Amino acid sequence: MPYATNEDLPLPVQRALPDRAQDIYRQAFNHAFAAHAGDPRREEASHRIAWAAVKRVYAKIEGEWVRRPIAGAFDA
């Protein structure tokens, strides 16, 4: 079941993630869901892929999801 908006995401995802991370989750889930048509574990796999996509950009630090530093960026 693809998600049209962030408001359609499961409540734990909505409560835990900042808005941009929810966007990443939703887009990754929808893409994975479409790519795994016919797979009996389609929804489970899509949720795992969506969480992996979020974790590439965000890290959970002291119970809060925060954006990771951009690779190669430095303070001037």
PDB file of N, CA and C in Angstrom:
ATOM      1  N   MET A   1       0.823  -1.181   0.000  1.00  0.00           N
ATOM      2  CA  MET A   1       0.000   0.000   0.000  1.00  0.00           C
ATOM      3  C   MET A   1       0.868   1.245   0.000  1.00  0.00           C
ATOM      4  N   PRO A   2       1.116   1.832  -1.127  1.00  0.00           N
ATOM      5  CA  PRO A   2       1.928   3.049  -1.203  1.00  0.00           C
ATOM      6  C   PRO A   2       1.285   4.197  -0.410  1.00  0.00           C
ATOM      7  N   TYR A   3       2.118   5.118   0.003  1.00  0.00           N
ATOM      8  CA  TYR A   3       1.661   6.258   0.804  1.00  0.00           C
ATOM      9  C   TYR A   3       1.656   7.510  -0.064  1.00  0.00           C
ATOM     10  N   ALA A   4       0.505   8.178  -0.170  1.00  0.00           N
ATOM     11  CA  ALA A   4       0.377   9.376  -0.994  1.00  0.00           C
ATOM     12  C   ALA A   4       0.993  10.596  -0.308  1.00  0.00           C
ATOM     13  N   THR A   5       0.847  10.681   1.004  1.00  0.00           N
ATOM     14  CA  THR A   5       1.369  11.830   1.759  1.00  0.00           C
ATOM     15  C   THR A   5       2.010  11.318   3.047  1.00  0.00           C
ATOM     16  N   ASN A   6       2.761  12.183   3.715  1.00  0.00           N
ATOM     17  CA  ASN A   6       3.365  11.815   4.987  1.00  0.00           C
ATOM     18  C   ASN A   6       2.304  11.530   6.048  1.00  0.00           C
ATOM     19  N   GLU A   7       1.145  12.142   5.924  1.00  0.00           N
ATOM     20  CA  GLU A   7       0.066  11.906   6.877  1.00  0.00           C
ATOM     21  C   GLU A   7      -0.472  10.477   6.779  1.00  0.00           C
ATOM     22  N   ASP A   8      -0.191   9.798   5.677  1.00  0.00           N
ATOM     23  CA  ASP A   8      -0.631   8.419   5.478  1.00  0.00           C
ATOM     24  C   ASP A   8       0.348   7.400   6.075  1.00  0.00           C
ATOM     25  N   LEU A   9       1.544   7.860   6.435  1.00  0.00           N
ATOM     26  CA  LEU A   9       2.554   6.957   6.984  1.00  0.00           C
ATOM     27  C   LEU A   9       2.090   6.383   8.315  1.00  0.00           C
ATOM     28  N   PRO A  10       2.636   5.235   8.717  1.00  0.00           N
ATOM     29  CA  PRO A  10       2.299   4.685  10.027  1.00  0.00           C
ATOM     30  C   PRO A  10       2.619   5.705  11.131  1.00  0.00           C
ATOM     31  N   LEU A  11       1.793   5.741  12.160  1.00  0.00           N
ATOM     32  CA  LEU A  11       1.980   6.716  13.236  1.00  0.00           C
ATOM     33  C   LEU A  11       3.367   6.667  13.879  1.00  0.00           C
ATOM     34  N   PRO A  12       3.953   5.492  14.113  1.00  0.00           N
ATOM     35  CA  PRO A  12       5.303   5.499  14.696  1.00  0.00           C
ATOM     36  C   PRO A  12       6.325   6.229  13.819  1.00  0.00           C
ATOM     37  N   VAL A  13       6.179   6.120  12.518  1.00  0.00           N
ATOM     38  CA  VAL A  13       7.087   6.826  11.600  1.00  0.00           C
ATOM     39  C   VAL A  13       6.831   8.328  11.689  1.00  0.00           C
ATOM     40  N   GLN A  14       5.588   8.739  11.685  1.00  0.00           N
ATOM     41  CA  GLN A  14       5.243  10.150  11.776  1.00  0.00           C
ATOM     42  C   GLN A  14       5.765  10.763  13.070  1.00  0.00           C
ATOM     43  N   ARG A  15       5.602  10.043  14.166  1.00  0.00           N
ATOM     44  CA  ARG A  15       6.003  10.569  15.479  1.00  0.00           C
ATOM     45  C   ARG A  15       7.514  10.635  15.637  1.00  0.00           C
ATOM     46  N   ALA A  16       8.221   9.677  15.059  1.00  0.00           N
ATOM     47  CA  ALA A  16       9.664   9.568  15.277  1.00  0.00           C
ATOM     48  C   ALA A  16      10.489  10.478  14.379  1.00  0.00           C
ATOM     49  N   LEU A  17      10.076  10.621  13.125  1.00  0.00           N
ATOM     50  CA  LEU A  17      10.937  11.266  12.141  1.00  0.00           C
ATOM     51  C   LEU A  17      10.562  12.716  11.860  1.00  0.00           C
ATOM     52  N   PRO A  18      11.583  13.563  11.627  1.00  0.00           N
ATOM     53  CA  PRO A  18      11.302  14.927  11.163  1.00  0.00           C
ATOM     54  C   PRO A  18      10.682  14.889   9.765  1.00  0.00           C
ATOM     55  N   ASP A  19      10.099  15.994   9.354  1.00  0.00           N
ATOM     56  CA  ASP A  19       9.367  16.046   8.080  1.00  0.00           C
ATOM     57  C   ASP A  19      10.189  15.556   6.892  1.00  0.00           C
ATOM     58  N   ARG A  20      11.419  16.038   6.728  1.00  0.00           N
ATOM     59  CA  ARG A  20      12.233  15.643   5.574  1.00  0.00           C
ATOM     60  C   ARG A  20      12.548  14.149   5.605  1.00  0.00           C
ATOM     61  N   ALA A  21      12.780  13.611   6.786  1.00  0.00           N
ATOM     62  CA  ALA A  21      13.039  12.176   6.908  1.00  0.00           C
ATOM     63  C   ALA A  21      11.784  11.381   6.543  1.00  0.00           C
ATOM     64  N   GLN A  22      10.619  11.917   6.860  1.00  0.00           N
ATOM     65  CA  GLN A  22       9.369  11.262   6.459  1.00  0.00           C
ATOM     66  C   GLN A  22       9.249  11.251   4.940  1.00  0.00           C
ATOM     67  N   ASP A  23       9.658  12.329   4.295  1.00  0.00           N
ATOM     68  CA  ASP A  23       9.648  12.379   2.827  1.00  0.00           C
ATOM     69  C   ASP A  23      10.519  11.260   2.256  1.00  0.00           C
ATOM     70  N   ILE A  24      11.723  11.124   2.821  1.00  0.00           N
ATOM     71  CA  ILE A  24      12.657  10.092   2.364  1.00  0.00           C
ATOM     72  C   ILE A  24      12.049   8.714   2.560  1.00  0.00           C
ATOM     73  N   TYR A  25      11.482   8.483   3.737  1.00  0.00           N
ATOM     74  CA  TYR A  25      10.863   7.193   4.052  1.00  0.00           C
ATOM     75  C   TYR A  25       9.753   6.882   3.049  1.00  0.00           C
ATOM     76  N   ARG A  26       8.859   7.838   2.847  1.00  0.00           N
ATOM     77  CA  ARG A  26       7.705   7.623   1.955  1.00  0.00           C
ATOM     78  C   ARG A  26       8.162   7.332   0.532  1.00  0.00           C
ATOM     79  N   GLN A  27       9.102   8.120   0.023  1.00  0.00           N
ATOM     80  CA  GLN A  27       9.563   7.925  -1.348  1.00  0.00           C
ATOM     81  C   GLN A  27      10.264   6.578  -1.512  1.00  0.00           C
ATOM     82  N   ALA A  28      11.105   6.216  -0.531  1.00  0.00           N
ATOM     83  CA  ALA A  28      11.809   4.933  -0.611  1.00  0.00           C
ATOM     84  C   ALA A  28      10.829   3.766  -0.504  1.00  0.00           C
ATOM     85  N   PHE A  29       9.865   3.881   0.412  1.00  0.00           N
ATOM     86  CA  PHE A  29       8.863   2.822   0.559  1.00  0.00           C
ATOM     87  C   PHE A  29       8.094   2.635  -0.740  1.00  0.00           C
ATOM     88  N   ASN A  30       7.598   3.724  -1.306  1.00  0.00           N
ATOM     89  CA  ASN A  30       6.788   3.636  -2.525  1.00  0.00           C
ATOM     90  C   ASN A  30       7.582   3.031  -3.682  1.00  0.00           C
ATOM     91  N   HIS A  31       8.840   3.423  -3.808  1.00  0.00           N
ATOM     92  CA  HIS A  31       9.678   2.886  -4.880  1.00  0.00           C
ATOM     93  C   HIS A  31       9.907   1.381  -4.672  1.00  0.00           C
ATOM     94  N   ALA A  32      10.243   1.002  -3.447  1.00  0.00           N
ATOM     95  CA  ALA A  32      10.489  -0.409  -3.150  1.00  0.00           C
ATOM     96  C   ALA A  32       9.219  -1.239  -3.325  1.00  0.00           C
ATOM     97  N   PHE A  33       8.094  -0.688  -2.923  1.00  0.00           N
ATOM     98  CA  PHE A  33       6.819  -1.394  -3.041  1.00  0.00           C
ATOM     99  C   PHE A  33       6.524  -1.703  -4.512  1.00  0.00           C
ATOM    100  N   ALA A  34       6.768  -0.728  -5.375  1.00  0.00           N
ATOM    101  CA  ALA A  34       6.545  -0.936  -6.808  1.00  0.00           C
ATOM    102  C   ALA A  34       7.546  -1.937  -7.385  1.00  0.00           C
ATOM    103  N   ALA A  35       8.780  -1.880  -6.907  1.00  0.00           N
ATOM    104  CA  ALA A  35       9.832  -2.751  -7.437  1.00  0.00           C
ATOM    105  C   ALA A  35       9.675  -4.206  -7.000  1.00  0.00           C
ATOM    106  N   HIS A  36       8.968  -4.459  -5.908  1.00  0.00           N
ATOM    107  CA  HIS A  36       8.842  -5.816  -5.379  1.00  0.00           C
ATOM    108  C   HIS A  36       7.463  -6.430  -5.637  1.00  0.00           C
ATOM    109  N   ALA A  37       6.824  -6.023  -6.704  1.00  0.00           N
ATOM    110  CA  ALA A  37       5.515  -6.590  -7.054  1.00  0.00           C
ATOM    111  C   ALA A  37       5.649  -8.102  -7.188  1.00  0.00           C
ATOM    112  N   GLY A  38       4.693  -8.819  -6.622  1.00  0.00           N
ATOM    113  CA  GLY A  38       4.710 -10.269  -6.694  1.00  0.00           C
ATOM    114  C   GLY A  38       5.459 -10.940  -5.557  1.00  0.00           C
ATOM    115  N   ASP A  39       6.193 -10.184  -4.770  1.00  0.00           N
ATOM    116  CA  ASP A  39       6.927 -10.733  -3.629  1.00  0.00           C
ATOM    117  C   ASP A  39       5.975 -10.851  -2.448  1.00  0.00           C
ATOM    118  N   PRO A  40       5.834 -12.039  -1.860  1.00  0.00           N
ATOM    119  CA  PRO A  40       4.903 -12.184  -0.741  1.00  0.00           C
ATOM    120  C   PRO A  40       5.310 -11.362   0.489  1.00  0.00           C
ATOM    121  N   ARG A  41       6.580 -10.968   0.580  1.00  0.00           N
ATOM    122  CA  ARG A  41       7.059 -10.153   1.694  1.00  0.00           C
ATOM    123  C   ARG A  41       7.266  -8.706   1.252  1.00  0.00           C
ATOM    124  N   ARG A  42       6.527  -8.301   0.266  1.00  0.00           N
ATOM    125  CA  ARG A  42       6.663  -6.990  -0.359  1.00  0.00           C
ATOM    126  C   ARG A  42       6.598  -5.837   0.644  1.00  0.00           C
ATOM    127  N   GLU A  43       5.584  -5.830   1.485  1.00  0.00           N
ATOM    128  CA  GLU A  43       5.416  -4.720   2.422  1.00  0.00           C
ATOM    129  C   GLU A  43       6.532  -4.699   3.468  1.00  0.00           C
ATOM    130  N   GLU A  44       6.882  -5.846   4.000  1.00  0.00           N
ATOM    131  CA  GLU A  44       7.968  -5.924   4.981  1.00  0.00           C
ATOM    132  C   GLU A  44       9.276  -5.431   4.376  1.00  0.00           C
ATOM    133  N   ALA A  45       9.583  -5.904   3.177  1.00  0.00           N
ATOM    134  CA  ALA A  45      10.813  -5.483   2.506  1.00  0.00           C
ATOM    135  C   ALA A  45      10.807  -3.985   2.242  1.00  0.00           C
ATOM    136  N   SER A  46       9.671  -3.453   1.861  1.00  0.00           N
ATOM    137  CA  SER A  46       9.569  -2.021   1.568  1.00  0.00           C
ATOM    138  C   SER A  46       9.810  -1.175   2.811  1.00  0.00           C
ATOM    139  N   HIS A  47       9.297  -1.623   3.958  1.00  0.00           N
ATOM    140  CA  HIS A  47       9.544  -0.889   5.205  1.00  0.00           C
ATOM    141  C   HIS A  47      11.025  -0.942   5.577  1.00  0.00           C
ATOM    142  N   ARG A  48      11.642  -2.092   5.413  1.00  0.00           N
ATOM    143  CA  ARG A  48      13.080  -2.208   5.722  1.00  0.00           C
ATOM    144  C   ARG A  48      13.918  -1.312   4.820  1.00  0.00           C
ATOM    145  N   ILE A  49      13.588  -1.288   3.560  1.00  0.00           N
ATOM    146  CA  ILE A  49      14.308  -0.449   2.603  1.00  0.00           C
ATOM    147  C   ILE A  49      14.109   1.024   2.929  1.00  0.00           C
ATOM    148  N   ALA A  50      12.888   1.386   3.315  1.00  0.00           N
ATOM    149  CA  ALA A  50      12.601   2.780   3.666  1.00  0.00           C
ATOM    150  C   ALA A  50      13.404   3.216   4.888  1.00  0.00           C
ATOM    151  N   TRP A  51      13.465   2.348   5.915  1.00  0.00           N
ATOM    152  CA  TRP A  51      14.264   2.689   7.102  1.00  0.00           C
ATOM    153  C   TRP A  51      15.739   2.814   6.734  1.00  0.00           C
ATOM    154  N   ALA A  52      16.238   1.944   5.874  1.00  0.00           N
ATOM    155  CA  ALA A  52      17.645   2.013   5.456  1.00  0.00           C
ATOM    156  C   ALA A  52      17.927   3.330   4.739  1.00  0.00           C
ATOM    157  N   ALA A  53      16.982   3.785   3.928  1.00  0.00           N
ATOM    158  CA  ALA A  53      17.152   5.060   3.224  1.00  0.00           C
ATOM    159  C   ALA A  53      17.212   6.223   4.209  1.00  0.00           C
ATOM    160  N   VAL A  54      16.364   6.189   5.210  1.00  0.00           N
ATOM    161  CA  VAL A  54      16.382   7.243   6.235  1.00  0.00           C
ATOM    162  C   VAL A  54      17.723   7.235   6.968  1.00  0.00           C
ATOM    163  N   LYS A  55      18.205   6.045   7.315  1.00  0.00           N
ATOM    164  CA  LYS A  55      19.433   5.931   8.102  1.00  0.00           C
ATOM    165  C   LYS A  55      20.675   6.362   7.333  1.00  0.00           C
ATOM    166  N   ARG A  56      20.577   6.455   6.017  1.00  0.00           N
ATOM    167  CA  ARG A  56      21.709   6.981   5.234  1.00  0.00           C
ATOM    168  C   ARG A  56      21.861   8.486   5.428  1.00  0.00           C
ATOM    169  N   VAL A  57      20.770   9.161   5.723  1.00  0.00           N
ATOM    170  CA  VAL A  57      20.768  10.619   5.815  1.00  0.00           C
ATOM    171  C   VAL A  57      20.619  11.096   7.267  1.00  0.00           C
ATOM    172  N   TYR A  58      19.960  10.299   8.088  1.00  0.00           N
ATOM    173  CA  TYR A  58      19.687  10.677   9.479  1.00  0.00           C
ATOM    174  C   TYR A  58      20.264   9.633  10.429  1.00  0.00           C
ATOM    175  N   ALA A  59      20.603  10.085  11.630  1.00  0.00           N
ATOM    176  CA  ALA A  59      21.064   9.199  12.696  1.00  0.00           C
ATOM    177  C   ALA A  59      20.240   9.483  13.940  1.00  0.00           C
ATOM    178  N   LYS A  60      19.980   8.436  14.716  1.00  0.00           N
ATOM    179  CA  LYS A  60      19.235   8.613  15.952  1.00  0.00           C
ATOM    180  C   LYS A  60      20.241   8.847  17.076  1.00  0.00           C
ATOM    181  N   ILE A  61      20.228  10.057  17.622  1.00  0.00           N
ATOM    182  CA  ILE A  61      21.160  10.448  18.671  1.00  0.00           C
ATOM    183  C   ILE A  61      20.355  10.882  19.887  1.00  0.00           C
ATOM    184  N   GLU A  62      20.579  10.173  20.988  1.00  0.00           N
ATOM    185  CA  GLU A  62      19.876  10.441  22.238  1.00  0.00           C
ATOM    186  C   GLU A  62      18.360  10.485  22.032  1.00  0.00           C
ATOM    187  N   GLY A  63      17.864   9.524  21.240  1.00  0.00           N
ATOM    188  CA  GLY A  63      16.426   9.385  21.032  1.00  0.00           C
ATOM    189  C   GLY A  63      15.818  10.305  19.998  1.00  0.00           C
ATOM    190  N   GLU A  64      16.631  11.102  19.330  1.00  0.00           N
ATOM    191  CA  GLU A  64      16.125  12.049  18.328  1.00  0.00           C
ATOM    192  C   GLU A  64      16.827  11.826  16.993  1.00  0.00           C
ATOM    193  N   TRP A  65      16.049  11.859  15.918  1.00  0.00           N
ATOM    194  CA  TRP A  65      16.617  11.698  14.579  1.00  0.00           C
ATOM    195  C   TRP A  65      17.173  13.035  14.109  1.00  0.00           C
ATOM    196  N   VAL A  66      18.480  13.045  13.794  1.00  0.00           N
ATOM    197  CA  VAL A  66      19.145  14.269  13.325  1.00  0.00           C
ATOM    198  C   VAL A  66      19.866  13.975  12.017  1.00  0.00           C
ATOM    199  N   ARG A  67      19.944  14.998  11.190  1.00  0.00           N
ATOM    200  CA  ARG A  67      20.587  14.853   9.888  1.00  0.00           C
ATOM    201  C   ARG A  67      22.082  14.620  10.065  1.00  0.00           C
ATOM    202  N   ARG A  68      22.622  13.672   9.320  1.00  0.00           N
ATOM    203  CA  ARG A  68      24.059  13.392   9.342  1.00  0.00           C
ATOM    204  C   ARG A  68      24.791  14.507   8.594  1.00  0.00           C
ATOM    205  N   PRO A  69      26.031  14.748   8.951  1.00  0.00           N
ATOM    206  CA  PRO A  69      26.826  15.727   8.181  1.00  0.00           C
ATOM    207  C   PRO A  69      26.997  15.239   6.747  1.00  0.00           C
ATOM    208  N   ILE A  70      27.057  16.154   5.833  1.00  0.00           N
ATOM    209  CA  ILE A  70      27.276  15.820   4.428  1.00  0.00           C
ATOM    210  C   ILE A  70      28.715  15.382   4.242  1.00  0.00           C
ATOM    211  N   ALA A  71      28.920  14.250   3.589  1.00  0.00           N
ATOM    212  CA  ALA A  71      30.280  13.736   3.362  1.00  0.00           C
ATOM    213  C   ALA A  71      31.085  14.751   2.572  1.00  0.00           C
ATOM    214  N   GLY A  72      32.288  15.015   3.046  1.00  0.00           N
ATOM    215  CA  GLY A  72      33.167  15.941   2.363  1.00  0.00           C
ATOM    216  C   GLY A  72      32.980  17.389   2.776  1.00  0.00           C
ATOM    217  N   ALA A  73      31.950  17.671   3.567  1.00  0.00           N
ATOM    218  CA  ALA A  73      31.723  19.043   4.031  1.00  0.00           C
ATOM    219  C   ALA A  73      32.659  19.344   5.193  1.00  0.00           C
ATOM    220  N   PHE A  74      33.039  20.586   5.314  1.00  0.00           N
ATOM    221  CA  PHE A  74      33.898  20.995   6.413  1.00  0.00           C
ATOM    222  C   PHE A  74      33.521  22.398   6.864  1.00  0.00           C
ATOM    223  N   ASP A  75      33.868  22.706   8.096  1.00  0.00           N
ATOM    224  CA  ASP A  75      33.590  24.044   8.623  1.00  0.00           C
ATOM    225  C   ASP A  75      34.667  25.004   8.135  1.00  0.00           C
ATOM    226  N   ALA A  76      34.237  26.127   7.631  1.00  0.00           N
ATOM    227  CA  ALA A  76      35.194  27.118   7.124  1.00  0.00           C
ATOM    228  C   ALA A  76      35.506  28.148   8.174  1.00  0.00           C
TER     229      ALA A  76
END
